[in-house]
N, C-alpha and C. Protein backbone atom coordinates (compact mmCIF):
# COMPACT_ATOMS: atom_id res chain seq x y z
N MET A 1 0.69 19.22 -3.93
CA MET A 1 0.29 18.13 -3.10
C MET A 1 1.74 17.33 -2.78
N ALA A 2 1.84 16.99 -1.60
CA ALA A 2 3.08 16.27 -1.07
C ALA A 2 3.34 14.97 -1.74
N THR A 3 4.48 14.55 -1.97
CA THR A 3 4.85 13.23 -2.49
C THR A 3 5.30 12.37 -1.32
N THR A 4 4.96 11.14 -1.26
CA THR A 4 5.24 10.25 -0.14
C THR A 4 5.93 9.11 -0.81
N LYS A 5 7.02 8.66 -0.22
CA LYS A 5 7.74 7.45 -0.61
C LYS A 5 7.65 6.54 0.53
N LEU A 6 7.06 5.29 0.22
CA LEU A 6 7.03 4.24 1.28
C LEU A 6 7.47 2.87 0.62
N THR A 7 8.36 2.29 1.39
CA THR A 7 8.95 1.05 1.01
C THR A 7 7.96 -0.16 1.62
N VAL A 8 7.50 -1.07 0.85
CA VAL A 8 6.61 -2.02 1.28
C VAL A 8 7.18 -3.44 1.13
N HIS A 9 7.30 -4.30 2.14
CA HIS A 9 7.62 -5.64 1.88
C HIS A 9 6.29 -6.42 1.91
N HIS A 10 6.04 -7.16 0.76
CA HIS A 10 4.79 -7.82 0.64
C HIS A 10 5.13 -9.31 0.72
N TYR A 11 4.17 -10.07 1.39
CA TYR A 11 4.22 -11.47 1.56
C TYR A 11 3.26 -12.05 0.65
N ARG A 12 3.73 -12.80 -0.45
CA ARG A 12 2.80 -13.23 -1.47
C ARG A 12 1.84 -14.19 -0.94
N ASN A 13 0.67 -14.05 -1.45
CA ASN A 13 -0.44 -14.98 -1.19
C ASN A 13 -0.99 -15.16 -2.65
N GLY A 14 -0.52 -16.11 -3.34
CA GLY A 14 -0.85 -16.14 -4.73
C GLY A 14 0.20 -15.49 -5.54
N ASP A 15 -0.13 -14.87 -6.59
CA ASP A 15 0.86 -14.25 -7.58
C ASP A 15 0.78 -12.79 -7.49
N SER A 16 0.99 -12.24 -6.34
CA SER A 16 0.82 -10.80 -6.21
C SER A 16 1.93 -9.97 -6.98
N SER A 17 3.13 -10.52 -7.13
CA SER A 17 4.19 -9.81 -7.85
C SER A 17 3.74 -9.43 -9.31
N ASN A 18 3.19 -10.46 -9.98
CA ASN A 18 2.72 -10.26 -11.27
C ASN A 18 1.51 -9.34 -11.32
N ALA A 19 0.64 -9.36 -10.30
CA ALA A 19 -0.59 -8.54 -10.31
C ALA A 19 -0.28 -7.10 -10.05
N THR A 20 0.77 -6.90 -9.20
CA THR A 20 1.06 -5.46 -8.89
C THR A 20 2.26 -4.84 -9.50
N GLY A 21 2.91 -5.69 -10.42
CA GLY A 21 4.09 -5.15 -11.03
C GLY A 21 5.40 -5.16 -10.21
N ALA A 22 5.30 -5.66 -8.94
CA ALA A 22 6.56 -5.66 -8.05
C ALA A 22 7.43 -6.86 -8.37
N ARG A 23 8.70 -6.64 -8.20
CA ARG A 23 9.73 -7.72 -8.42
C ARG A 23 10.10 -8.24 -7.06
N GLY A 24 10.13 -9.46 -6.85
CA GLY A 24 10.43 -10.08 -5.60
C GLY A 24 9.49 -9.78 -4.53
N HIS A 25 10.01 -9.52 -3.28
CA HIS A 25 9.13 -9.26 -2.17
C HIS A 25 9.22 -7.79 -1.67
N THR A 26 9.85 -7.02 -2.28
CA THR A 26 9.97 -5.56 -1.87
C THR A 26 9.69 -4.64 -3.04
N THR A 27 9.07 -3.51 -2.79
CA THR A 27 8.88 -2.50 -3.73
C THR A 27 8.75 -1.12 -3.02
N ALA A 28 9.03 -0.05 -3.60
CA ALA A 28 8.78 1.22 -3.03
C ALA A 28 7.67 1.83 -3.82
N LEU A 29 6.72 2.37 -2.97
CA LEU A 29 5.58 3.13 -3.50
C LEU A 29 5.87 4.54 -3.35
N VAL A 30 5.81 5.21 -4.41
CA VAL A 30 6.15 6.69 -4.57
C VAL A 30 5.07 7.40 -5.23
N GLY A 31 4.63 8.45 -4.58
CA GLY A 31 3.53 9.21 -5.18
C GLY A 31 2.71 10.03 -4.17
N ASN A 32 1.63 10.62 -4.58
CA ASN A 32 0.84 11.35 -3.56
C ASN A 32 0.05 10.25 -2.81
N LEU A 33 -0.73 10.81 -1.80
CA LEU A 33 -1.39 9.81 -0.89
C LEU A 33 -2.41 8.99 -1.61
N GLU A 34 -3.07 9.47 -2.74
CA GLU A 34 -4.02 8.81 -3.50
C GLU A 34 -3.36 7.67 -4.31
N GLN A 35 -2.21 8.00 -4.86
CA GLN A 35 -1.44 7.06 -5.71
C GLN A 35 -0.95 5.85 -4.70
N VAL A 36 -0.45 6.20 -3.59
CA VAL A 36 0.07 5.23 -2.61
C VAL A 36 -1.18 4.28 -2.20
N ALA A 37 -2.29 4.87 -2.03
CA ALA A 37 -3.57 4.15 -1.53
C ALA A 37 -3.90 3.19 -2.82
N ASP A 38 -3.86 3.78 -3.99
CA ASP A 38 -4.26 2.91 -5.16
C ASP A 38 -3.25 1.76 -5.29
N SER A 39 -2.01 1.90 -5.08
CA SER A 39 -1.00 0.84 -5.01
C SER A 39 -1.37 -0.20 -3.96
N LEU A 40 -1.65 0.25 -2.81
CA LEU A 40 -1.94 -0.60 -1.64
C LEU A 40 -3.26 -1.43 -2.01
N PHE A 41 -4.17 -0.78 -2.62
CA PHE A 41 -5.48 -1.36 -3.06
C PHE A 41 -5.23 -2.47 -4.08
N ASP A 42 -4.21 -2.29 -4.92
CA ASP A 42 -3.73 -3.42 -5.84
C ASP A 42 -3.31 -4.63 -5.15
N TYR A 43 -2.52 -4.38 -4.18
CA TYR A 43 -2.17 -5.55 -3.27
C TYR A 43 -3.32 -6.21 -2.74
N TYR A 44 -4.32 -5.51 -2.20
CA TYR A 44 -5.51 -6.07 -1.62
C TYR A 44 -6.22 -6.93 -2.64
N LYS A 45 -6.39 -6.31 -3.78
CA LYS A 45 -7.06 -7.07 -4.96
C LYS A 45 -6.27 -8.31 -5.40
N ALA A 46 -4.95 -8.41 -5.15
CA ALA A 46 -4.17 -9.45 -5.59
C ALA A 46 -4.14 -10.58 -4.46
N GLY A 47 -4.87 -10.25 -3.35
CA GLY A 47 -4.91 -11.25 -2.30
C GLY A 47 -3.80 -11.19 -1.26
N VAL A 48 -3.05 -10.15 -1.23
CA VAL A 48 -2.07 -9.98 -0.18
C VAL A 48 -2.71 -9.68 1.04
N THR A 49 -2.40 -10.33 2.17
CA THR A 49 -3.02 -10.19 3.36
C THR A 49 -2.17 -9.62 4.53
N THR A 50 -0.77 -9.56 4.19
CA THR A 50 0.13 -9.00 5.18
C THR A 50 1.11 -8.02 4.43
N LEU A 51 1.33 -6.87 4.90
CA LEU A 51 2.29 -5.96 4.41
C LEU A 51 3.12 -5.41 5.58
N LEU A 52 4.42 -5.41 5.44
CA LEU A 52 5.31 -4.89 6.38
C LEU A 52 5.90 -3.59 5.75
N ILE A 53 5.62 -2.45 6.57
CA ILE A 53 6.01 -1.19 6.03
C ILE A 53 7.06 -0.46 6.84
N PRO A 54 8.28 -0.83 6.60
CA PRO A 54 9.38 -0.19 7.27
C PRO A 54 9.55 1.31 7.12
N SER A 55 10.26 2.04 8.02
CA SER A 55 10.21 3.44 7.85
C SER A 55 11.45 4.05 8.59
N PHE A 56 11.96 5.09 7.99
CA PHE A 56 13.01 5.83 8.75
C PHE A 56 12.49 6.83 9.79
N GLU A 57 11.12 7.12 9.57
CA GLU A 57 10.46 7.98 10.53
C GLU A 57 9.19 7.22 10.96
N PRO A 58 9.21 6.32 11.87
CA PRO A 58 8.09 5.42 12.09
C PRO A 58 6.93 6.06 12.71
N VAL A 59 7.13 7.10 13.63
CA VAL A 59 5.97 7.76 14.23
C VAL A 59 5.24 8.60 13.12
N GLU A 60 5.99 9.45 12.58
CA GLU A 60 5.38 10.24 11.40
C GLU A 60 4.73 9.46 10.33
N ASP A 61 5.35 8.31 9.89
CA ASP A 61 4.78 7.64 8.85
C ASP A 61 3.39 6.82 9.40
N ALA A 62 3.51 6.36 10.63
CA ALA A 62 2.31 5.78 11.19
C ALA A 62 1.14 6.67 11.22
N ILE A 63 1.48 7.89 11.61
CA ILE A 63 0.33 8.97 11.62
C ILE A 63 -0.12 9.16 10.21
N ILE A 64 0.68 9.27 9.22
CA ILE A 64 0.27 9.42 7.81
C ILE A 64 -0.60 8.28 7.37
N TYR A 65 -0.08 7.08 7.66
CA TYR A 65 -0.85 5.89 7.21
C TYR A 65 -2.18 5.83 7.98
N GLY A 66 -2.21 6.08 9.16
CA GLY A 66 -3.55 5.96 9.87
C GLY A 66 -4.56 7.08 9.58
N ARG A 67 -4.02 8.26 9.43
CA ARG A 67 -4.83 9.43 9.18
C ARG A 67 -5.30 9.52 7.76
N ASP A 68 -4.33 9.25 6.82
CA ASP A 68 -4.53 9.55 5.35
C ASP A 68 -4.62 8.37 4.45
N VAL A 69 -3.80 7.45 4.59
CA VAL A 69 -3.68 6.39 3.61
C VAL A 69 -4.72 5.26 3.76
N ILE A 70 -4.80 4.67 5.05
CA ILE A 70 -5.63 3.62 5.37
C ILE A 70 -7.15 3.99 5.13
N PRO A 71 -7.63 5.12 5.51
CA PRO A 71 -9.07 5.54 5.08
C PRO A 71 -9.25 5.55 3.64
N LEU A 72 -8.29 5.95 2.74
CA LEU A 72 -8.46 6.03 1.33
C LEU A 72 -8.55 4.50 0.89
N VAL A 73 -7.70 3.63 1.37
CA VAL A 73 -7.84 2.28 0.93
C VAL A 73 -9.17 1.75 1.35
N GLY A 74 -9.59 1.88 2.54
CA GLY A 74 -10.78 1.50 3.05
C GLY A 74 -12.07 1.83 2.18
N GLN A 75 -12.04 3.10 1.72
CA GLN A 75 -12.97 3.61 0.75
C GLN A 75 -12.99 2.83 -0.46
N GLN A 76 -11.79 2.47 -1.03
CA GLN A 76 -11.82 1.76 -2.21
C GLN A 76 -12.38 0.23 -1.97
N VAL A 77 -11.94 -0.35 -0.82
CA VAL A 77 -12.50 -1.70 -0.60
C VAL A 77 -13.93 -1.60 -0.40
N GLN A 78 -14.65 -0.61 0.23
CA GLN A 78 -16.03 -0.50 0.33
C GLN A 78 -16.72 -0.39 -1.05
N ARG A 79 -16.13 0.39 -1.95
CA ARG A 79 -16.76 0.39 -3.34
C ARG A 79 -16.66 -0.79 -4.07
N GLU A 80 -15.49 -1.53 -3.94
CA GLU A 80 -15.34 -2.82 -4.54
C GLU A 80 -16.28 -3.79 -4.06
N GLU A 81 -16.63 -3.81 -2.78
CA GLU A 81 -17.55 -4.83 -2.25
C GLU A 81 -19.05 -4.53 -2.43
N ARG A 82 -19.33 -3.44 -3.15
CA ARG A 82 -20.72 -3.07 -3.27
C ARG A 82 -21.35 -3.84 -4.47
């Protein structure tokens, strides 16, 4: 399974740094797609409403996010809201 490394700048809404284990306003998410989705879901649960996801490969990463990561996070949100 491929490993993805994504750098995320998060804008705190409450105390997301403590909830997600991130220091300051920037963290790198490293892992397979499911692990990255799990990390993004942690931000959602912590109340983060805005994420800036910079990239050296913006088109490729946007495709990966839209096709693979966001649907996984959406599934977790749906399960949480049941």
